[in-house]
Protein backbone atom coordinates (compact mmCIF):
# COMPACT_ATOMS: atom_id res chain seq x y z
CA MET A 1 44.62 21.29 0.21
CA GLN A 2 42.97 17.97 0.97
CA TRP A 3 41.01 19.58 3.83
CA GLU A 4 39.53 22.20 1.52
CA LEU A 5 38.32 19.61 -0.98
CA SER A 6 36.55 17.55 1.67
CA GLY A 7 35.00 20.71 3.13
CA ASN A 8 33.72 21.78 -0.28
CA ARG A 9 32.40 18.31 -0.92
CA ARG A 10 30.48 18.37 2.36
CA MET A 11 29.00 21.77 1.58
CA PHE A 12 28.02 20.56 -1.87
CA LEU A 13 26.33 17.46 -0.51
CA LYS A 14 24.53 19.49 2.18
CA GLY A 15 23.30 21.90 -0.49
CA VAL A 16 22.10 19.04 -2.70
CA ALA A 17 20.25 17.47 0.23
CA ILE A 18 18.58 20.74 1.19
CA ILE A 19 17.59 21.64 -2.37
CA GLY A 20 16.40 18.10 -3.10
CA GLY A 21 14.33 17.96 0.09
CA SER A 22 12.83 21.36 -0.62
CA ALA A 23 11.92 20.33 -4.16
CA LEU A 24 10.18 17.21 -2.84
CA LEU A 25 8.18 19.19 -0.29
CA LEU A 26 7.21 21.87 -2.77
CA GLY A 27 6.20 19.28 -5.34
CA ARG A 28 3.86 17.59 -2.87
CA ASP A 29 1.95 20.78 -2.11
CA ARG A 30 0.45 21.06 -5.57
CA PRO A 31 -3.32 20.56 -5.59
CA ALA A 32 -4.54 17.35 -7.11
CA GLU A 33 -6.00 17.65 -10.56
CA ALA A 34 -9.59 16.55 -10.90
CA LYS A 35 -10.15 13.80 -13.43
CA PRO A 36 -13.37 14.02 -15.42
CA GLU A 37 -15.84 11.22 -14.81
CA PRO A 38 -16.51 9.03 -17.85
CA VAL A 39 -19.84 9.68 -19.49
CA THR A 40 -21.98 6.55 -19.50
CA PRO A 41 -25.18 6.18 -21.48
CA GLN A 42 -28.37 6.04 -19.44
CA GLN A 43 -29.44 2.45 -18.86
CA GLU A 44 -33.03 1.34 -18.84
CA PRO A 45 -34.33 0.43 -15.41
CA SER A 46 -34.24 -3.28 -14.67
CA LYS A 47 -37.51 -5.12 -15.19
CA GLY A 48 -36.65 -7.51 -12.39
CA TYR A 49 -36.77 -11.29 -12.46
CA GLN A 50 -38.57 -12.74 -15.44
CA VAL A 51 -39.34 -16.35 -16.28
CA THR A 52 -38.26 -16.76 -19.88
CA GLU A 53 -38.07 -19.87 -22.06
CA HIS A 54 -34.42 -20.23 -21.18
CA VAL A 55 -35.21 -20.17 -17.43
CA LYS A 56 -38.05 -22.67 -17.88
CA LYS A 57 -35.71 -25.09 -19.65
CA TYR A 58 -33.19 -24.76 -16.84
CA TYR A 59 -35.84 -25.51 -14.20
CA GLU A 60 -36.93 -28.60 -16.14
CA THR A 61 -33.38 -29.97 -16.33
CA ALA A 62 -32.61 -29.15 -12.69
CA ARG A 63 -35.51 -31.15 -11.27
CA PRO A 64 -34.48 -34.33 -9.42
């Protein structure tokens, strides 16, 4: 009787391993879902470097 229980247990564990492995492999084969890109408002083009009053004050304080 003991032999039958251990044999059934082995078959059960083999079946669990096979089914679990199959489920993992099948789950990986799903195509990836595309995520929509966030919509950002259009930004104005940069005007480049500009010497403003704030920049002028910095230059005055940074002189040696």
